Amino acid sequence: MNANKKTSTAKKQGNLMYLGPTITGVVRHSTIFKNGVLPQKLNKCVEEFPAMKRLLVSMEHLPKATKELVKEQSALASIYAQTDKKFNK
């Protein structure tokens, strides 16, 4: 039964691109993560600031997210700014 749990939670995910600010020693802007697998340091940042997960965008949603990111009043732009402030003091 435990093996079934692993399979169901580990659904195959497409590639993700990080659209947030570069965080030295953790992640660079525009990094692509194959199958959505994130490095441990980045996972720790996402655990610390869950909204940051919205900056990890599937390739199919990339054009829409990029347009949203350049709008100053958008939620994504706000999360970008908050992430930058939190991790790049």
PDB file of N, CA and C in Angstrom:
ATOM      1  N   MET A   1       0.822  -1.201   0.000  1.00  0.00           N
ATOM      2  CA  MET A   1       0.000   0.000   0.000  1.00  0.00           C
ATOM      3  C   MET A   1       0.866   1.265   0.000  1.00  0.00           C
ATOM      4  N   ASN A   2       1.971   1.236   0.697  1.00  0.00           N
ATOM      5  CA  ASN A   2       2.864   2.383   0.742  1.00  0.00           C
ATOM      6  C   ASN A   2       3.430   2.711  -0.637  1.00  0.00           C
ATOM      7  N   ALA A   3       3.721   1.684  -1.424  1.00  0.00           N
ATOM      8  CA  ALA A   3       4.237   1.902  -2.774  1.00  0.00           C
ATOM      9  C   ALA A   3       3.209   2.634  -3.634  1.00  0.00           C
ATOM     10  N   ASN A   4       1.930   2.317  -3.456  1.00  0.00           N
ATOM     11  CA  ASN A   4       0.869   3.006  -4.193  1.00  0.00           C
ATOM     12  C   ASN A   4       0.807   4.476  -3.828  1.00  0.00           C
ATOM     13  N   LYS A   5       1.003   4.771  -2.563  1.00  0.00           N
ATOM     14  CA  LYS A   5       0.993   6.165  -2.115  1.00  0.00           C
ATOM     15  C   LYS A   5       2.090   6.961  -2.804  1.00  0.00           C
ATOM     16  N   LYS A   6       3.286   6.386  -2.864  1.00  0.00           N
ATOM     17  CA  LYS A   6       4.407   7.065  -3.509  1.00  0.00           C
ATOM     18  C   LYS A   6       4.093   7.366  -4.966  1.00  0.00           C
ATOM     19  N   THR A   7       3.548   6.392  -5.654  1.00  0.00           N
ATOM     20  CA  THR A   7       3.240   6.553  -7.061  1.00  0.00           C
ATOM     21  C   THR A   7       2.202   7.637  -7.291  1.00  0.00           C
ATOM     22  N   SER A   8       1.185   7.683  -6.447  1.00  0.00           N
ATOM     23  CA  SER A   8       0.122   8.654  -6.650  1.00  0.00           C
ATOM     24  C   SER A   8       0.578  10.079  -6.337  1.00  0.00           C
ATOM     25  N   THR A   9       1.453  10.234  -5.344  1.00  0.00           N
ATOM     26  CA  THR A   9       1.901  11.584  -5.002  1.00  0.00           C
ATOM     27  C   THR A   9       3.023  12.048  -5.928  1.00  0.00           C
ATOM     28  N   ALA A  10       3.758  11.116  -6.498  1.00  0.00           N
ATOM     29  CA  ALA A  10       4.851  11.487  -7.392  1.00  0.00           C
ATOM     30  C   ALA A  10       4.364  11.497  -8.840  1.00  0.00           C
ATOM     31  N   LYS A  11       3.343  12.272  -9.102  1.00  0.00           N
ATOM     32  CA  LYS A  11       2.821  12.385 -10.462  1.00  0.00           C
ATOM     33  C   LYS A  11       3.874  13.014 -11.353  1.00  0.00           C
ATOM     34  N   LYS A  12       3.927  12.555 -12.591  1.00  0.00           N
ATOM     35  CA  LYS A  12       4.907  13.097 -13.526  1.00  0.00           C
ATOM     36  C   LYS A  12       4.551  14.554 -13.826  1.00  0.00           C
ATOM     37  N   GLN A  13       5.516  15.408 -13.616  1.00  0.00           N
ATOM     38  CA  GLN A  13       5.319  16.839 -13.804  1.00  0.00           C
ATOM     39  C   GLN A  13       6.222  17.304 -14.943  1.00  0.00           C
ATOM     40  N   GLY A  14       5.758  18.289 -15.682  1.00  0.00           N
ATOM     41  CA  GLY A  14       6.568  18.826 -16.762  1.00  0.00           C
ATOM     42  C   GLY A  14       7.674  19.712 -16.237  1.00  0.00           C
ATOM     43  N   ASN A  15       8.446  20.256 -17.150  1.00  0.00           N
ATOM     44  CA  ASN A  15       9.527  21.160 -16.773  1.00  0.00           C
ATOM     45  C   ASN A  15       8.957  22.465 -16.233  1.00  0.00           C
ATOM     46  N   LEU A  16       9.653  23.031 -15.271  1.00  0.00           N
ATOM     47  CA  LEU A  16       9.251  24.306 -14.673  1.00  0.00           C
ATOM     48  C   LEU A  16      10.373  25.319 -14.860  1.00  0.00           C
ATOM     49  N   MET A  17       9.989  26.579 -15.074  1.00  0.00           N
ATOM     50  CA  MET A  17      10.977  27.652 -15.135  1.00  0.00           C
ATOM     51  C   MET A  17      10.764  28.574 -13.942  1.00  0.00           C
ATOM     52  N   TYR A  18      11.870  28.937 -13.312  1.00  0.00           N
ATOM     53  CA  TYR A  18      11.823  29.855 -12.177  1.00  0.00           C
ATOM     54  C   TYR A  18      11.861  31.282 -12.696  1.00  0.00           C
ATOM     55  N   LEU A  19      10.801  32.051 -12.425  1.00  0.00           N
ATOM     56  CA  LEU A  19      10.711  33.435 -12.899  1.00  0.00           C
ATOM     57  C   LEU A  19      11.007  34.460 -11.809  1.00  0.00           C
ATOM     58  N   GLY A  20      11.447  33.993 -10.662  1.00  0.00           N
ATOM     59  CA  GLY A  20      11.736  34.905  -9.558  1.00  0.00           C
ATOM     60  C   GLY A  20      13.134  35.497  -9.657  1.00  0.00           C
ATOM     61  N   PRO A  21      13.481  36.305  -8.665  1.00  0.00           N
ATOM     62  CA  PRO A  21      14.801  36.937  -8.652  1.00  0.00           C
ATOM     63  C   PRO A  21      15.896  35.903  -8.372  1.00  0.00           C
ATOM     64  N   THR A  22      17.090  36.185  -8.842  1.00  0.00           N
ATOM     65  CA  THR A  22      18.223  35.322  -8.524  1.00  0.00           C
ATOM     66  C   THR A  22      18.471  35.380  -7.028  1.00  0.00           C
ATOM     67  N   ILE A  23      18.640  34.222  -6.423  1.00  0.00           N
ATOM     68  CA  ILE A  23      18.982  34.124  -5.002  1.00  0.00           C
ATOM     69  C   ILE A  23      20.351  33.455  -4.960  1.00  0.00           C
ATOM     70  N   THR A  24      21.364  34.225  -4.609  1.00  0.00           N
ATOM     71  CA  THR A  24      22.743  33.746  -4.634  1.00  0.00           C
ATOM     72  C   THR A  24      22.891  32.442  -3.854  1.00  0.00           C
ATOM     73  N   GLY A  25      23.491  31.469  -4.506  1.00  0.00           N
ATOM     74  CA  GLY A  25      23.735  30.176  -3.875  1.00  0.00           C
ATOM     75  C   GLY A  25      22.532  29.252  -3.874  1.00  0.00           C
ATOM     76  N   VAL A  26      21.400  29.721  -4.425  1.00  0.00           N
ATOM     77  CA  VAL A  26      20.179  28.910  -4.418  1.00  0.00           C
ATOM     78  C   VAL A  26      19.652  28.684  -5.823  1.00  0.00           C
ATOM     79  N   VAL A  27      19.312  29.778  -6.519  1.00  0.00           N
ATOM     80  CA  VAL A  27      18.696  29.656  -7.845  1.00  0.00           C
ATOM     81  C   VAL A  27      18.902  30.938  -8.637  1.00  0.00           C
ATOM     82  N   ARG A  28      19.002  30.783  -9.962  1.00  0.00           N
ATOM     83  CA  ARG A  28      19.103  31.934 -10.852  1.00  0.00           C
ATOM     84  C   ARG A  28      17.791  32.117 -11.597  1.00  0.00           C
ATOM     85  N   HIS A  29      17.480  33.369 -11.910  1.00  0.00           N
ATOM     86  CA  HIS A  29      16.295  33.684 -12.708  1.00  0.00           C
ATOM     87  C   HIS A  29      16.361  32.904 -14.018  1.00  0.00           C
ATOM     88  N   SER A  30      15.240  32.383 -14.459  1.00  0.00           N
ATOM     89  CA  SER A  30      15.092  31.648 -15.723  1.00  0.00           C
ATOM     90  C   SER A  30      15.674  30.236 -15.723  1.00  0.00           C
ATOM     91  N   THR A  31      15.989  29.696 -14.553  1.00  0.00           N
ATOM     92  CA  THR A  31      16.470  28.322 -14.486  1.00  0.00           C
ATOM     93  C   THR A  31      15.313  27.378 -14.777  1.00  0.00           C
ATOM     94  N   ILE A  32      15.582  26.340 -15.556  1.00  0.00           N
ATOM     95  CA  ILE A  32      14.562  25.336 -15.880  1.00  0.00           C
ATOM     96  C   ILE A  32      14.840  24.081 -15.062  1.00  0.00           C
ATOM     97  N   PHE A  33      13.792  23.547 -14.456  1.00  0.00           N
ATOM     98  CA  PHE A  33      13.896  22.343 -13.650  1.00  0.00           C
ATOM     99  C   PHE A  33      13.173  21.201 -14.349  1.00  0.00           C
ATOM    100  N   LYS A  34      13.952  20.225 -14.761  1.00  0.00           N
ATOM    101  CA  LYS A  34      13.421  19.079 -15.505  1.00  0.00           C
ATOM    102  C   LYS A  34      12.465  18.279 -14.616  1.00  0.00           C
ATOM    103  N   ASN A  35      11.288  18.008 -15.148  1.00  0.00           N
ATOM    104  CA  ASN A  35      10.246  17.246 -14.454  1.00  0.00           C
ATOM    105  C   ASN A  35       9.841  17.880 -13.119  1.00  0.00           C
ATOM    106  N   GLY A  36      10.094  19.168 -12.966  1.00  0.00           N
ATOM    107  CA  GLY A  36       9.675  19.870 -11.757  1.00  0.00           C
ATOM    108  C   GLY A  36      10.468  19.512 -10.512  1.00  0.00           C
ATOM    109  N   VAL A  37      11.630  18.866 -10.679  1.00  0.00           N
ATOM    110  CA  VAL A  37      12.460  18.466  -9.538  1.00  0.00           C
ATOM    111  C   VAL A  37      13.314  19.659  -9.118  1.00  0.00           C
ATOM    112  N   LEU A  38      13.089  20.110  -7.877  1.00  0.00           N
ATOM    113  CA  LEU A  38      13.792  21.287  -7.358  1.00  0.00           C
ATOM    114  C   LEU A  38      14.944  20.877  -6.447  1.00  0.00           C
ATOM    115  N   PRO A  39      16.026  21.656  -6.440  1.00  0.00           N
ATOM    116  CA  PRO A  39      17.129  21.376  -5.512  1.00  0.00           C
ATOM    117  C   PRO A  39      16.686  21.633  -4.069  1.00  0.00           C
ATOM    118  N   GLN A  40      17.359  20.984  -3.144  1.00  0.00           N
ATOM    119  CA  GLN A  40      16.996  21.072  -1.725  1.00  0.00           C
ATOM    120  C   GLN A  40      16.991  22.515  -1.209  1.00  0.00           C
ATOM    121  N   LYS A  41      17.980  23.318  -1.592  1.00  0.00           N
ATOM    122  CA  LYS A  41      18.046  24.712  -1.115  1.00  0.00           C
ATOM    123  C   LYS A  41      16.825  25.507  -1.569  1.00  0.00           C
ATOM    124  N   LEU A  42      16.379  25.273  -2.804  1.00  0.00           N
ATOM    125  CA  LEU A  42      15.203  25.981  -3.311  1.00  0.00           C
ATOM    126  C   LEU A  42      13.940  25.488  -2.600  1.00  0.00           C
ATOM    127  N   ASN A  43      13.853  24.198  -2.349  1.00  0.00           N
ATOM    128  CA  ASN A  43      12.704  23.660  -1.603  1.00  0.00           C
ATOM    129  C   ASN A  43      12.602  24.297  -0.222  1.00  0.00           C
ATOM    130  N   LYS A  44      13.754  24.529   0.427  1.00  0.00           N
ATOM    131  CA  LYS A  44      13.754  25.174   1.745  1.00  0.00           C
ATOM    132  C   LYS A  44      13.202  26.597   1.650  1.00  0.00           C
ATOM    133  N   CYS A  45      13.576  27.318   0.604  1.00  0.00           N
ATOM    134  CA  CYS A  45      13.073  28.686   0.406  1.00  0.00           C
ATOM    135  C   CYS A  45      11.559  28.667   0.188  1.00  0.00           C
ATOM    136  N   VAL A  46      11.086  27.720  -0.612  1.00  0.00           N
ATOM    137  CA  VAL A  46       9.650  27.615  -0.889  1.00  0.00           C
ATOM    138  C   VAL A  46       8.886  27.251   0.393  1.00  0.00           C
ATOM    139  N   GLU A  47       9.474  26.399   1.235  1.00  0.00           N
ATOM    140  CA  GLU A  47       8.844  26.062   2.517  1.00  0.00           C
ATOM    141  C   GLU A  47       8.756  27.292   3.412  1.00  0.00           C
ATOM    142  N   GLU A  48       9.801  28.106   3.380  1.00  0.00           N
ATOM    143  CA  GLU A  48       9.860  29.322   4.200  1.00  0.00           C
ATOM    144  C   GLU A  48       8.910  30.401   3.679  1.00  0.00           C
ATOM    145  N   PHE A  49       8.725  30.447   2.363  1.00  0.00           N
ATOM    146  CA  PHE A  49       7.861  31.450   1.737  1.00  0.00           C
ATOM    147  C   PHE A  49       7.040  30.772   0.639  1.00  0.00           C
ATOM    148  N   PRO A  50       5.938  30.094   1.019  1.00  0.00           N
ATOM    149  CA  PRO A  50       5.141  29.283   0.086  1.00  0.00           C
ATOM    150  C   PRO A  50       4.640  30.009  -1.165  1.00  0.00           C
ATOM    151  N   ALA A  51       4.386  31.305  -1.088  1.00  0.00           N
ATOM    152  CA  ALA A  51       3.908  32.050  -2.257  1.00  0.00           C
ATOM    153  C   ALA A  51       4.924  31.999  -3.393  1.00  0.00           C
ATOM    154  N   MET A  52       6.159  31.778  -3.055  1.00  0.00           N
ATOM    155  CA  MET A  52       7.241  31.716  -4.032  1.00  0.00           C
ATOM    156  C   MET A  52       7.010  30.602  -5.062  1.00  0.00           C
ATOM    157  N   LYS A  53       6.232  29.626  -4.698  1.00  0.00           N
ATOM    158  CA  LYS A  53       5.933  28.506  -5.602  1.00  0.00           C
ATOM    159  C   LYS A  53       5.266  28.994  -6.896  1.00  0.00           C
ATOM    160  N   ARG A  54       4.555  30.125  -6.817  1.00  0.00           N
ATOM    161  CA  ARG A  54       3.909  30.689  -8.019  1.00  0.00           C
ATOM    162  C   ARG A  54       4.922  31.190  -9.036  1.00  0.00           C
ATOM    163  N   LEU A  55       6.174  31.369  -8.616  1.00  0.00           N
ATOM    164  CA  LEU A  55       7.222  31.813  -9.527  1.00  0.00           C
ATOM    165  C   LEU A  55       7.836  30.644 -10.304  1.00  0.00           C
ATOM    166  N   LEU A  56       7.413  29.431  -9.979  1.00  0.00           N
ATOM    167  CA  LEU A  56       7.836  28.233 -10.705  1.00  0.00           C
ATOM    168  C   LEU A  56       6.716  27.881 -11.673  1.00  0.00           C
ATOM    169  N   VAL A  57       6.946  28.161 -12.939  1.00  0.00           N
ATOM    170  CA  VAL A  57       5.884  28.128 -13.945  1.00  0.00           C
ATOM    171  C   VAL A  57       6.133  27.017 -14.961  1.00  0.00           C
ATOM    172  N   SER A  58       5.061  26.278 -15.293  1.00  0.00           N
ATOM    173  CA  SER A  58       5.191  25.252 -16.330  1.00  0.00           C
ATOM    174  C   SER A  58       5.434  25.938 -17.667  1.00  0.00           C
ATOM    175  N   MET A  59       6.085  25.234 -18.546  1.00  0.00           N
ATOM    176  CA  MET A  59       6.461  25.817 -19.838  1.00  0.00           C
ATOM    177  C   MET A  59       5.226  26.259 -20.629  1.00  0.00           C
ATOM    178  N   GLU A  60       4.125  25.562 -20.488  1.00  0.00           N
ATOM    179  CA  GLU A  60       2.921  25.929 -21.231  1.00  0.00           C
ATOM    180  C   GLU A  60       2.295  27.224 -20.717  1.00  0.00           C
ATOM    181  N   HIS A  61       2.544  27.568 -19.458  1.00  0.00           N
ATOM    182  CA  HIS A  61       1.993  28.805 -18.880  1.00  0.00           C
ATOM    183  C   HIS A  61       3.001  29.956 -18.879  1.00  0.00           C
ATOM    184  N   LEU A  62       4.166  29.710 -19.440  1.00  0.00           N
ATOM    185  CA  LEU A  62       5.239  30.705 -19.427  1.00  0.00           C
ATOM    186  C   LEU A  62       4.873  32.030 -20.090  1.00  0.00           C
ATOM    187  N   PRO A  63       4.280  32.042 -21.293  1.00  0.00           N
ATOM    188  CA  PRO A  63       3.950  33.334 -21.919  1.00  0.00           C
ATOM    189  C   PRO A  63       2.997  34.186 -21.066  1.00  0.00           C
ATOM    190  N   LYS A  64       1.979  33.557 -20.501  1.00  0.00           N
ATOM    191  CA  LYS A  64       1.011  34.282 -19.670  1.00  0.00           C
ATOM    192  C   LYS A  64       1.678  34.821 -18.399  1.00  0.00           C
ATOM    193  N   ALA A  65       2.495  33.988 -17.767  1.00  0.00           N
ATOM    194  CA  ALA A  65       3.161  34.399 -16.529  1.00  0.00           C
ATOM    195  C   ALA A  65       4.151  35.535 -16.783  1.00  0.00           C
ATOM    196  N   THR A  66       4.843  35.477 -17.901  1.00  0.00           N
ATOM    197  CA  THR A  66       5.799  36.525 -18.247  1.00  0.00           C
ATOM    198  C   THR A  66       5.088  37.867 -18.424  1.00  0.00           C
ATOM    199  N   LYS A  67       3.933  37.836 -19.086  1.00  0.00           N
ATOM    200  CA  LYS A  67       3.149  39.070 -19.262  1.00  0.00           C
ATOM    201  C   LYS A  67       2.668  39.604 -17.909  1.00  0.00           C
ATOM    202  N   GLU A  68       2.232  38.696 -17.027  1.00  0.00           N
ATOM    203  CA  GLU A  68       1.745  39.113 -15.713  1.00  0.00           C
ATOM    204  C   GLU A  68       2.877  39.707 -14.877  1.00  0.00           C
ATOM    205  N   LEU A  69       4.057  39.137 -15.012  1.00  0.00           N
ATOM    206  CA  LEU A  69       5.199  39.568 -14.208  1.00  0.00           C
ATOM    207  C   LEU A  69       5.600  41.016 -14.472  1.00  0.00           C
ATOM    208  N   VAL A  70       5.423  41.492 -15.705  1.00  0.00           N
ATOM    209  CA  VAL A  70       5.819  42.870 -16.026  1.00  0.00           C
ATOM    210  C   VAL A  70       4.783  43.911 -15.604  1.00  0.00           C
ATOM    211  N   LYS A  71       3.602  43.469 -15.224  1.00  0.00           N
ATOM    212  CA  LYS A  71       2.578  44.398 -14.728  1.00  0.00           C
ATOM    213  C   LYS A  71       2.847  44.671 -13.249  1.00  0.00           C
ATOM    214  N   GLU A  72       3.129  45.922 -12.927  1.00  0.00           N
ATOM    215  CA  GLU A  72       3.505  46.294 -11.559  1.00  0.00           C
ATOM    216  C   GLU A  72       2.494  45.876 -10.500  1.00  0.00           C
ATOM    217  N   GLN A  73       1.225  45.958 -10.820  1.00  0.00           N
ATOM    218  CA  GLN A  73       0.180  45.684  -9.833  1.00  0.00           C
ATOM    219  C   GLN A  73      -0.252  44.216  -9.782  1.00  0.00           C
ATOM    220  N   SER A  74       0.376  43.346 -10.552  1.00  0.00           N
ATOM    221  CA  SER A  74      -0.044  41.944 -10.592  1.00  0.00           C
ATOM    222  C   SER A  74       0.410  41.181  -9.347  1.00  0.00           C
ATOM    223  N   ALA A  75      -0.285  40.103  -9.063  1.00  0.00           N
ATOM    224  CA  ALA A  75       0.061  39.245  -7.931  1.00  0.00           C
ATOM    225  C   ALA A  75       1.459  38.661  -8.108  1.00  0.00           C
ATOM    226  N   LEU A  76       1.778  38.244  -9.321  1.00  0.00           N
ATOM    227  CA  LEU A  76       3.085  37.632  -9.584  1.00  0.00           C
ATOM    228  C   LEU A  76       4.225  38.636  -9.376  1.00  0.00           C
ATOM    229  N   ALA A  77       4.023  39.875  -9.809  1.00  0.00           N
ATOM    230  CA  ALA A  77       5.038  40.922  -9.600  1.00  0.00           C
ATOM    231  C   ALA A  77       5.225  41.198  -8.109  1.00  0.00           C
ATOM    232  N   SER A  78       4.143  41.142  -7.370  1.00  0.00           N
ATOM    233  CA  SER A  78       4.203  41.353  -5.922  1.00  0.00           C
ATOM    234  C   SER A  78       4.984  40.218  -5.243  1.00  0.00           C
ATOM    235  N   ILE A  79       4.723  38.987  -5.667  1.00  0.00           N
ATOM    236  CA  ILE A  79       5.439  37.836  -5.099  1.00  0.00           C
ATOM    237  C   ILE A  79       6.921  37.915  -5.453  1.00  0.00           C
ATOM    238  N   TYR A  80       7.220  38.335  -6.669  1.00  0.00           N
ATOM    239  CA  TYR A  80       8.614  38.521  -7.098  1.00  0.00           C
ATOM    240  C   TYR A  80       9.309  39.499  -6.148  1.00  0.00           C
ATOM    241  N   ALA A  81       8.679  40.655  -5.926  1.00  0.00           N
ATOM    242  CA  ALA A  81       9.267  41.696  -5.067  1.00  0.00           C
ATOM    243  C   ALA A  81       9.430  41.195  -3.628  1.00  0.00           C
ATOM    244  N   GLN A  82       8.435  40.492  -3.120  1.00  0.00           N
ATOM    245  CA  GLN A  82       8.504  39.952  -1.757  1.00  0.00           C
ATOM    246  C   GLN A  82       9.616  38.911  -1.624  1.00  0.00           C
ATOM    247  N   THR A  83       9.759  38.075  -2.651  1.00  0.00           N
ATOM    248  CA  THR A  83      10.816  37.059  -2.651  1.00  0.00           C
ATOM    249  C   THR A  83      12.184  37.726  -2.659  1.00  0.00           C
ATOM    250  N   ASP A  84      12.338  38.756  -3.486  1.00  0.00           N
ATOM    251  CA  ASP A  84      13.599  39.482  -3.561  1.00  0.00           C
ATOM    252  C   ASP A  84      13.938  40.117  -2.214  1.00  0.00           C
ATOM    253  N   LYS A  85      12.964  40.728  -1.597  1.00  0.00           N
ATOM    254  CA  LYS A  85      13.169  41.389  -0.297  1.00  0.00           C
ATOM    255  C   LYS A  85      13.526  40.374   0.785  1.00  0.00           C
ATOM    256  N   LYS A  86      12.862  39.230   0.772  1.00  0.00           N
ATOM    257  CA  LYS A  86      13.067  38.225   1.812  1.00  0.00           C
ATOM    258  C   LYS A  86      14.432  37.546   1.711  1.00  0.00           C
ATOM    259  N   PHE A  87      14.860  37.206   0.486  1.00  0.00           N
ATOM    260  CA  PHE A  87      16.071  36.398   0.323  1.00  0.00           C
ATOM    261  C   PHE A  87      17.289  37.171  -0.168  1.00  0.00           C
ATOM    262  N   ASN A  88      17.120  38.430  -0.550  1.00  0.00           N
ATOM    263  CA  ASN A  88      18.244  39.251  -1.016  1.00  0.00           C
ATOM    264  C   ASN A  88      18.303  40.557  -0.235  1.00  0.00           C
ATOM    265  N   LYS A  89      18.457  40.445   1.046  1.00  0.00           N
ATOM    266  CA  LYS A  89      18.435  41.619   1.933  1.00  0.00           C
ATOM    267  C   LYS A  89      19.609  42.536   1.712  1.00  0.00           C
TER     268      LYS A  89
END
